[in-house]
Amino acid sequence: MQKLIAALLVSITFFIAGCSSGEDISLATLKENHPESFGKPVEDSLTKEEQEALGLPAELPFNLESVEASAEEHEVEVDYMSKDADRLTVTTVYNPENNLQEADTRMTLDSGAIAGVTERDASVFFEWYDDEENVIYQMAYSPMDDDNRLEDALEIANSI
């Protein structure tokens, strides 16, 4: 019985590890690996404090092919793309004026924040306010495989 439980735990661990990109997608690594498409826009537009509050997920449910950042006044958008056309867009809005969009559903994230969630035909959209950082995070996830779209999006949101 113990061997069965151990084998099951090992299988679950491999399954979970196989569902994420497993690569380091921290701020420093993204700046280093994507200096023109990510590093330059982030460093040129954001203070160190704003860079630390940038909504970067800890892991992705796909293998990262490219990442691009663009910044406008008080807003940064980071696009993550895979070879298979999976796409994640995370927008960080600095100094927000409580401009949260209407959502179909609400979910509580691991941080305790309440996220508005809207499921669209090919994507799922999450939006929440982080009172510690005084930012709004918006996340749109468009996977090629719709089977676990909402669950994967929730995991991404929880990792930000």
N, C-alpha and C. Protein backbone atom coordinates (compact mmCIF):
# COMPACT_ATOMS: atom_id res chain seq x y z
N MET A 1 0.83 -1.20 0.00
CA MET A 1 0.00 0.00 0.00
C MET A 1 0.87 1.26 0.00
N GLN A 2 1.95 1.23 0.81
CA GLN A 2 2.83 2.40 0.87
C GLN A 2 3.53 2.62 -0.47
N LYS A 3 3.89 1.52 -1.14
CA LYS A 3 4.53 1.65 -2.45
C LYS A 3 3.56 2.26 -3.46
N LEU A 4 2.30 1.90 -3.37
CA LEU A 4 1.28 2.45 -4.27
C LEU A 4 1.12 3.95 -4.04
N ILE A 5 1.07 4.35 -2.78
CA ILE A 5 0.94 5.77 -2.44
C ILE A 5 2.17 6.53 -2.91
N ALA A 6 3.36 5.97 -2.69
CA ALA A 6 4.59 6.63 -3.12
C ALA A 6 4.62 6.78 -4.64
N ALA A 7 4.23 5.72 -5.35
CA ALA A 7 4.21 5.77 -6.81
C ALA A 7 3.21 6.82 -7.30
N LEU A 8 2.08 6.91 -6.63
CA LEU A 8 1.06 7.89 -6.99
C LEU A 8 1.59 9.32 -6.77
N LEU A 9 2.25 9.56 -5.67
CA LEU A 9 2.81 10.88 -5.39
C LEU A 9 3.89 11.26 -6.40
N VAL A 10 4.72 10.31 -6.77
CA VAL A 10 5.75 10.57 -7.78
C VAL A 10 5.09 10.89 -9.12
N SER A 11 4.06 10.15 -9.48
CA SER A 11 3.35 10.39 -10.75
C SER A 11 2.72 11.78 -10.77
N ILE A 12 2.10 12.17 -9.67
CA ILE A 12 1.48 13.49 -9.58
C ILE A 12 2.53 14.57 -9.71
N THR A 13 3.67 14.38 -9.06
CA THR A 13 4.75 15.36 -9.13
C THR A 13 5.23 15.53 -10.57
N PHE A 14 5.44 14.41 -11.29
CA PHE A 14 5.86 14.50 -12.68
C PHE A 14 4.80 15.15 -13.55
N PHE A 15 3.54 14.86 -13.28
CA PHE A 15 2.44 15.46 -14.04
C PHE A 15 2.43 16.97 -13.85
N ILE A 16 2.54 17.42 -12.61
CA ILE A 16 2.54 18.86 -12.33
C ILE A 16 3.74 19.52 -12.97
N ALA A 17 4.90 18.90 -12.85
CA ALA A 17 6.11 19.47 -13.44
C ALA A 17 6.00 19.54 -14.96
N GLY A 18 5.33 18.57 -15.57
CA GLY A 18 5.17 18.55 -17.02
C GLY A 18 4.20 19.58 -17.53
N CYS A 19 3.36 20.12 -16.67
CA CYS A 19 2.35 21.09 -17.09
C CYS A 19 2.87 22.52 -17.09
N SER A 20 4.05 22.76 -16.60
CA SER A 20 4.55 24.11 -16.56
C SER A 20 5.81 24.21 -17.41
N SER A 21 6.15 25.43 -17.75
CA SER A 21 7.30 25.63 -18.61
C SER A 21 8.58 25.24 -17.90
N GLY A 22 8.63 25.37 -16.57
CA GLY A 22 9.79 24.98 -15.80
C GLY A 22 10.97 25.92 -15.96
N GLU A 23 10.87 26.88 -16.84
CA GLU A 23 11.99 27.79 -17.02
C GLU A 23 11.87 28.98 -16.09
N ASP A 24 13.00 29.60 -15.83
CA ASP A 24 13.05 30.77 -14.96
C ASP A 24 12.52 31.97 -15.74
N ILE A 25 11.41 32.53 -15.29
CA ILE A 25 10.84 33.70 -15.96
C ILE A 25 10.77 34.88 -15.00
N SER A 26 11.80 34.98 -14.17
CA SER A 26 11.89 36.10 -13.25
C SER A 26 12.27 37.37 -14.00
N LEU A 27 12.14 38.50 -13.34
CA LEU A 27 12.45 39.79 -13.95
C LEU A 27 13.89 39.81 -14.48
N ALA A 28 14.85 39.40 -13.67
CA ALA A 28 16.26 39.44 -14.08
C ALA A 28 16.52 38.53 -15.28
N THR A 29 15.94 37.35 -15.26
CA THR A 29 16.16 36.40 -16.36
C THR A 29 15.51 36.89 -17.65
N LEU A 30 14.29 37.43 -17.55
CA LEU A 30 13.63 37.96 -18.75
C LEU A 30 14.42 39.12 -19.33
N LYS A 31 14.95 40.00 -18.48
CA LYS A 31 15.78 41.11 -18.97
C LYS A 31 17.02 40.59 -19.69
N GLU A 32 17.63 39.56 -19.12
CA GLU A 32 18.85 39.00 -19.70
C GLU A 32 18.58 38.24 -20.99
N ASN A 33 17.55 37.41 -21.01
CA ASN A 33 17.27 36.57 -22.18
C ASN A 33 16.54 37.29 -23.31
N HIS A 34 15.86 38.38 -22.98
CA HIS A 34 15.10 39.14 -23.99
C HIS A 34 15.40 40.63 -23.82
N PRO A 35 16.67 41.02 -24.04
CA PRO A 35 17.07 42.40 -23.73
C PRO A 35 16.35 43.47 -24.56
N GLU A 36 16.10 43.21 -25.81
CA GLU A 36 15.46 44.23 -26.65
C GLU A 36 13.94 44.24 -26.51
N SER A 37 13.32 43.07 -26.53
CA SER A 37 11.86 43.00 -26.52
C SER A 37 11.26 43.16 -25.13
N PHE A 38 12.05 42.86 -24.08
CA PHE A 38 11.54 42.98 -22.72
C PHE A 38 12.38 43.94 -21.87
N GLY A 39 13.66 43.68 -21.79
CA GLY A 39 14.54 44.43 -20.90
C GLY A 39 14.56 45.93 -21.14
N LYS A 40 14.77 46.33 -22.38
CA LYS A 40 14.86 47.76 -22.70
C LYS A 40 13.56 48.51 -22.40
N PRO A 41 12.40 48.03 -22.85
CA PRO A 41 11.17 48.77 -22.52
C PRO A 41 10.91 48.87 -21.01
N VAL A 42 11.22 47.81 -20.27
CA VAL A 42 10.98 47.81 -18.83
C VAL A 42 11.94 48.77 -18.12
N GLU A 43 13.23 48.67 -18.45
CA GLU A 43 14.23 49.52 -17.80
C GLU A 43 14.08 50.99 -18.18
N ASP A 44 13.70 51.26 -19.43
CA ASP A 44 13.55 52.65 -19.89
C ASP A 44 12.31 53.33 -19.33
N SER A 45 11.29 52.56 -18.97
CA SER A 45 9.99 53.14 -18.61
C SER A 45 9.64 53.05 -17.13
N LEU A 46 10.26 52.13 -16.39
CA LEU A 46 9.82 51.88 -15.02
C LEU A 46 10.92 52.15 -14.00
N THR A 47 10.50 52.65 -12.85
CA THR A 47 11.43 52.79 -11.73
C THR A 47 11.71 51.39 -11.17
N LYS A 48 12.70 51.28 -10.30
CA LYS A 48 13.00 49.99 -9.65
C LYS A 48 11.79 49.48 -8.89
N GLU A 49 11.07 50.37 -8.19
CA GLU A 49 9.88 49.98 -7.43
C GLU A 49 8.78 49.47 -8.35
N GLU A 50 8.60 50.14 -9.47
CA GLU A 50 7.59 49.70 -10.43
C GLU A 50 7.98 48.35 -11.06
N GLN A 51 9.26 48.15 -11.31
CA GLN A 51 9.72 46.88 -11.85
C GLN A 51 9.44 45.75 -10.87
N GLU A 52 9.62 46.00 -9.57
CA GLU A 52 9.35 44.99 -8.55
C GLU A 52 7.87 44.65 -8.46
N ALA A 53 6.99 45.60 -8.80
CA ALA A 53 5.54 45.38 -8.74
C ALA A 53 4.99 44.86 -10.07
N LEU A 54 5.85 44.73 -11.07
CA LEU A 54 5.42 44.25 -12.38
C LEU A 54 4.82 42.86 -12.25
N GLY A 55 3.66 42.66 -12.82
CA GLY A 55 2.94 41.39 -12.68
C GLY A 55 3.53 40.28 -13.51
N LEU A 56 4.56 39.64 -12.97
CA LEU A 56 5.21 38.54 -13.67
C LEU A 56 4.81 37.22 -13.03
N PRO A 57 4.28 36.28 -13.81
CA PRO A 57 3.94 34.98 -13.23
C PRO A 57 5.21 34.21 -12.88
N ALA A 58 5.10 33.32 -11.92
CA ALA A 58 6.24 32.50 -11.53
C ALA A 58 6.46 31.35 -12.51
N GLU A 59 5.39 30.92 -13.17
CA GLU A 59 5.50 29.85 -14.16
C GLU A 59 4.38 29.96 -15.17
N LEU A 60 4.58 29.29 -16.29
CA LEU A 60 3.61 29.30 -17.38
C LEU A 60 3.20 27.86 -17.71
N PRO A 61 1.97 27.66 -18.19
CA PRO A 61 1.54 26.32 -18.57
C PRO A 61 1.96 25.95 -19.99
N PHE A 62 2.92 26.65 -20.54
CA PHE A 62 3.44 26.37 -21.87
C PHE A 62 4.92 26.75 -21.92
N ASN A 63 5.61 26.28 -22.93
CA ASN A 63 7.02 26.61 -23.12
C ASN A 63 7.13 27.96 -23.79
N LEU A 64 7.84 28.85 -23.16
CA LEU A 64 7.97 30.23 -23.63
C LEU A 64 8.85 30.30 -24.87
N GLU A 65 8.32 30.90 -25.93
CA GLU A 65 9.07 31.11 -27.17
C GLU A 65 9.58 32.55 -27.22
N SER A 66 8.70 33.50 -26.88
CA SER A 66 9.10 34.91 -26.91
C SER A 66 8.30 35.70 -25.88
N VAL A 67 8.86 36.82 -25.51
CA VAL A 67 8.19 37.73 -24.57
C VAL A 67 8.48 39.16 -25.02
N GLU A 68 7.45 39.99 -24.95
CA GLU A 68 7.59 41.39 -25.33
C GLU A 68 6.90 42.26 -24.30
N ALA A 69 7.52 43.38 -24.00
CA ALA A 69 6.94 44.34 -23.07
C ALA A 69 6.74 45.67 -23.79
N SER A 70 5.66 46.33 -23.44
CA SER A 70 5.42 47.69 -23.94
C SER A 70 4.88 48.52 -22.79
N ALA A 71 5.28 49.76 -22.76
CA ALA A 71 4.89 50.63 -21.65
C ALA A 71 4.29 51.92 -22.18
N GLU A 72 3.21 52.31 -21.52
CA GLU A 72 2.59 53.61 -21.75
C GLU A 72 2.51 54.28 -20.39
N GLU A 73 1.98 55.44 -20.33
CA GLU A 73 1.87 56.15 -19.06
C GLU A 73 1.07 55.33 -18.06
N HIS A 74 1.69 54.96 -16.95
CA HIS A 74 1.09 54.23 -15.83
C HIS A 74 0.60 52.82 -16.19
N GLU A 75 1.10 52.24 -17.28
CA GLU A 75 0.63 50.92 -17.68
C GLU A 75 1.72 50.18 -18.45
N VAL A 76 1.91 48.91 -18.09
CA VAL A 76 2.87 48.06 -18.80
C VAL A 76 2.17 46.78 -19.20
N GLU A 77 2.38 46.37 -20.44
CA GLU A 77 1.80 45.14 -20.94
C GLU A 77 2.93 44.19 -21.31
N VAL A 78 2.85 42.95 -20.83
CA VAL A 78 3.85 41.94 -21.14
C VAL A 78 3.13 40.78 -21.84
N ASP A 79 3.59 40.45 -23.06
CA ASP A 79 3.03 39.35 -23.85
C ASP A 79 4.00 38.18 -23.86
N TYR A 80 3.48 37.02 -23.45
CA TYR A 80 4.24 35.78 -23.46
C TYR A 80 3.63 34.91 -24.55
N MET A 81 4.48 34.33 -25.43
CA MET A 81 3.97 33.50 -26.52
C MET A 81 4.74 32.20 -26.62
N SER A 82 4.03 31.15 -27.05
CA SER A 82 4.65 29.85 -27.27
C SER A 82 4.73 29.58 -28.76
N LYS A 83 5.46 28.53 -29.14
CA LYS A 83 5.52 28.12 -30.53
C LYS A 83 4.15 27.69 -31.04
N ASP A 84 3.35 27.11 -30.14
CA ASP A 84 2.03 26.57 -30.50
C ASP A 84 0.93 27.62 -30.49
N ALA A 85 1.29 28.88 -30.35
CA ALA A 85 0.34 30.00 -30.36
C ALA A 85 -0.41 30.18 -29.06
N ASP A 86 0.03 29.53 -27.97
CA ASP A 86 -0.52 29.88 -26.66
C ASP A 86 -0.06 31.29 -26.36
N ARG A 87 -0.93 32.06 -25.71
CA ARG A 87 -0.57 33.44 -25.44
C ARG A 87 -1.10 33.87 -24.08
N LEU A 88 -0.26 34.59 -23.37
CA LEU A 88 -0.63 35.18 -22.08
C LEU A 88 -0.23 36.64 -22.14
N THR A 89 -1.17 37.52 -21.82
CA THR A 89 -0.89 38.94 -21.73
C THR A 89 -1.20 39.40 -20.32
N VAL A 90 -0.20 40.00 -19.66
CA VAL A 90 -0.38 40.52 -18.32
C VAL A 90 -0.16 42.02 -18.38
N THR A 91 -1.15 42.77 -17.93
CA THR A 91 -1.06 44.23 -17.89
C THR A 91 -1.02 44.66 -16.44
N THR A 92 -0.07 45.53 -16.12
CA THR A 92 0.03 46.11 -14.78
C THR A 92 -0.30 47.58 -14.90
N VAL A 93 -1.30 48.02 -14.14
CA VAL A 93 -1.73 49.41 -14.16
C VAL A 93 -1.28 50.05 -12.85
N TYR A 94 -0.36 51.00 -12.93
CA TYR A 94 0.17 51.67 -11.74
C TYR A 94 -0.70 52.87 -11.38
N ASN A 95 -0.80 53.14 -10.09
CA ASN A 95 -1.60 54.26 -9.58
C ASN A 95 -3.01 54.25 -10.17
N PRO A 96 -3.71 53.12 -10.02
CA PRO A 96 -5.04 53.02 -10.64
C PRO A 96 -6.06 53.89 -9.90
N GLU A 97 -7.11 54.19 -10.60
CA GLU A 97 -8.20 54.98 -10.02
C GLU A 97 -9.43 54.10 -9.83
N ASN A 98 -9.19 52.85 -9.40
CA ASN A 98 -10.27 51.90 -9.16
C ASN A 98 -11.14 51.71 -10.39
N ASN A 99 -10.50 51.50 -11.52
CA ASN A 99 -11.20 51.32 -12.78
C ASN A 99 -11.31 49.84 -13.14
N LEU A 100 -11.83 49.04 -12.24
CA LEU A 100 -11.98 47.62 -12.53
C LEU A 100 -13.15 47.40 -13.48
N GLN A 101 -12.97 46.47 -14.40
CA GLN A 101 -14.02 46.18 -15.38
C GLN A 101 -15.08 45.27 -14.76
N GLU A 102 -16.25 45.27 -15.34
CA GLU A 102 -17.30 44.34 -14.92
C GLU A 102 -16.88 42.93 -15.31
N ALA A 103 -17.21 41.96 -14.46
CA ALA A 103 -16.82 40.58 -14.73
C ALA A 103 -18.01 39.66 -14.56
N ASP A 104 -17.95 38.50 -15.23
CA ASP A 104 -19.01 37.50 -15.14
C ASP A 104 -19.02 36.82 -13.78
N THR A 105 -17.82 36.55 -13.26
CA THR A 105 -17.66 35.77 -12.03
C THR A 105 -16.57 36.40 -11.18
N ARG A 106 -16.55 36.04 -9.92
CA ARG A 106 -15.48 36.47 -9.02
C ARG A 106 -14.85 35.24 -8.41
N MET A 107 -13.52 35.28 -8.25
CA MET A 107 -12.78 34.20 -7.62
C MET A 107 -11.81 34.80 -6.62
N THR A 108 -11.60 34.10 -5.52
CA THR A 108 -10.62 34.54 -4.53
C THR A 108 -9.28 33.88 -4.87
N LEU A 109 -8.25 34.72 -5.03
CA LEU A 109 -6.92 34.22 -5.32
C LEU A 109 -6.23 33.80 -4.02
N ASP A 110 -5.14 33.08 -4.13
CA ASP A 110 -4.39 32.64 -2.95
C ASP A 110 -3.94 33.81 -2.09
N SER A 111 -3.72 34.97 -2.69
CA SER A 111 -3.29 36.16 -1.95
C SER A 111 -4.42 36.78 -1.14
N GLY A 112 -5.65 36.32 -1.38
CA GLY A 112 -6.81 36.90 -0.72
C GLY A 112 -7.52 37.93 -1.59
N ALA A 113 -6.89 38.34 -2.68
CA ALA A 113 -7.51 39.31 -3.58
C ALA A 113 -8.69 38.67 -4.30
N ILE A 114 -9.70 39.48 -4.56
CA ILE A 114 -10.87 39.03 -5.31
C ILE A 114 -10.66 39.42 -6.78
N ALA A 115 -10.65 38.42 -7.65
CA ALA A 115 -10.44 38.66 -9.07
C ALA A 115 -11.76 38.56 -9.82
N GLY A 116 -11.98 39.50 -10.70
CA GLY A 116 -13.09 39.38 -11.64
C GLY A 116 -12.65 38.49 -12.78
N VAL A 117 -13.51 37.55 -13.18
CA VAL A 117 -13.15 36.58 -14.21
C VAL A 117 -14.21 36.60 -15.30
N THR A 118 -13.77 36.73 -16.54
CA THR A 118 -14.65 36.69 -17.69
C THR A 118 -14.12 35.65 -18.66
N GLU A 119 -14.94 34.65 -18.98
CA GLU A 119 -14.55 33.65 -19.97
C GLU A 119 -15.07 34.09 -21.32
N ARG A 120 -14.17 34.13 -22.29
CA ARG A 120 -14.52 34.49 -23.65
C ARG A 120 -14.42 33.26 -24.53
N ASP A 121 -14.71 33.39 -25.81
CA ASP A 121 -14.69 32.24 -26.72
C ASP A 121 -13.34 31.53 -26.73
N ALA A 122 -12.26 32.28 -26.87
CA ALA A 122 -10.95 31.66 -26.99
C ALA A 122 -10.00 32.03 -25.86
N SER A 123 -10.48 32.73 -24.84
CA SER A 123 -9.59 33.16 -23.77
C SER A 123 -10.35 33.32 -22.46
N VAL A 124 -9.59 33.53 -21.42
CA VAL A 124 -10.16 33.84 -20.11
C VAL A 124 -9.43 35.08 -19.59
N PHE A 125 -10.18 35.99 -18.99
CA PHE A 125 -9.65 37.27 -18.53
C PHE A 125 -9.81 37.37 -17.02
N PHE A 126 -8.72 37.67 -16.31
CA PHE A 126 -8.73 37.91 -14.86
C PHE A 126 -8.30 39.35 -14.61
N GLU A 127 -8.88 39.97 -13.59
CA GLU A 127 -8.48 41.32 -13.20
C GLU A 127 -8.66 41.45 -11.69
N TRP A 128 -7.63 42.00 -11.02
CA TRP A 128 -7.73 42.20 -9.58
C TRP A 128 -6.84 43.36 -9.14
N TYR A 129 -7.17 43.88 -7.99
CA TYR A 129 -6.42 44.99 -7.39
C TYR A 129 -5.52 44.44 -6.30
N ASP A 130 -4.25 44.85 -6.31
CA ASP A 130 -3.28 44.48 -5.27
C ASP A 130 -3.05 45.72 -4.43
N ASP A 131 -3.63 45.73 -3.22
CA ASP A 131 -3.54 46.93 -2.39
C ASP A 131 -2.15 47.16 -1.82
N GLU A 132 -1.33 46.12 -1.68
CA GLU A 132 0.04 46.30 -1.18
C GLU A 132 0.89 47.05 -2.19
N GLU A 133 0.74 46.74 -3.45
CA GLU A 133 1.53 47.37 -4.51
C GLU A 133 0.81 48.57 -5.13
N ASN A 134 -0.47 48.74 -4.83
CA ASN A 134 -1.31 49.78 -5.41
C ASN A 134 -1.31 49.70 -6.94
N VAL A 135 -1.59 48.49 -7.43
CA VAL A 135 -1.67 48.25 -8.87
C VAL A 135 -2.88 47.38 -9.18
N ILE A 136 -3.33 47.46 -10.41
CA ILE A 136 -4.34 46.54 -10.92
C ILE A 136 -3.60 45.61 -11.88
N TYR A 137 -3.84 44.31 -11.71
CA TYR A 137 -3.30 43.33 -12.63
C TYR A 137 -4.44 42.83 -13.51
N GLN A 138 -4.17 42.79 -14.81
CA GLN A 138 -5.12 42.26 -15.78
C GLN A 138 -4.40 41.16 -16.55
N MET A 139 -5.07 40.05 -16.74
CA MET A 139 -4.43 38.91 -17.37
C MET A 139 -5.39 38.28 -18.37
N ALA A 140 -4.94 38.11 -19.59
CA ALA A 140 -5.73 37.42 -20.62
C ALA A 140 -4.92 36.21 -21.07
N TYR A 141 -5.53 35.04 -20.95
CA TYR A 141 -4.86 33.79 -21.31
C TYR A 141 -5.62 33.14 -22.45
N SER A 142 -4.90 32.87 -23.55
CA SER A 142 -5.49 32.26 -24.75
C SER A 142 -4.69 31.02 -25.12
N PRO A 143 -5.06 29.87 -24.60
CA PRO A 143 -4.34 28.65 -24.95
C PRO A 143 -4.90 28.01 -26.22
N MET A 144 -4.10 27.20 -26.86
CA MET A 144 -4.57 26.45 -28.01
C MET A 144 -5.51 25.32 -27.57
N ASP A 145 -5.25 24.76 -26.39
CA ASP A 145 -6.06 23.68 -25.84
C ASP A 145 -6.98 24.27 -24.78
N ASP A 146 -8.28 24.21 -25.00
CA ASP A 146 -9.25 24.82 -24.10
C ASP A 146 -9.64 23.94 -22.91
N ASP A 147 -9.14 22.71 -22.85
CA ASP A 147 -9.60 21.77 -21.84
C ASP A 147 -9.46 22.28 -20.41
N ASN A 148 -8.31 22.82 -20.05
CA ASN A 148 -8.06 23.28 -18.69
C ASN A 148 -7.81 24.79 -18.63
N ARG A 149 -8.40 25.51 -19.54
CA ARG A 149 -8.13 26.94 -19.68
C ARG A 149 -8.35 27.71 -18.39
N LEU A 150 -9.50 27.55 -17.75
CA LEU A 150 -9.80 28.30 -16.54
C LEU A 150 -8.87 27.89 -15.39
N GLU A 151 -8.62 26.60 -15.23
CA GLU A 151 -7.74 26.13 -14.17
C GLU A 151 -6.32 26.64 -14.37
N ASP A 152 -5.82 26.57 -15.61
CA ASP A 152 -4.48 27.07 -15.90
C ASP A 152 -4.39 28.57 -15.66
N ALA A 153 -5.41 29.31 -16.07
CA ALA A 153 -5.42 30.76 -15.86
C ALA A 153 -5.42 31.09 -14.37
N LEU A 154 -6.17 30.35 -13.58
CA LEU A 154 -6.20 30.57 -12.14
C LEU A 154 -4.83 30.30 -11.53
N GLU A 155 -4.14 29.25 -11.99
CA GLU A 155 -2.79 28.97 -11.49
C GLU A 155 -1.83 30.11 -11.85
N ILE A 156 -1.95 30.63 -13.05
CA ILE A 156 -1.09 31.75 -13.47
C ILE A 156 -1.37 32.96 -12.58
N ALA A 157 -2.64 33.29 -12.41
CA ALA A 157 -3.00 34.45 -11.58
C ALA A 157 -2.47 34.29 -10.16
N ASN A 158 -2.56 33.10 -9.62
CA ASN A 158 -2.06 32.85 -8.27
C ASN A 158 -0.54 32.97 -8.18
N SER A 159 0.15 32.79 -9.30
CA SER A 159 1.61 32.88 -9.28
C SER A 159 2.12 34.30 -9.48
N ILE A 160 1.25 35.23 -9.77
CA ILE A 160 1.66 36.62 -9.97
C ILE A 160 1.75 37.30 -8.61
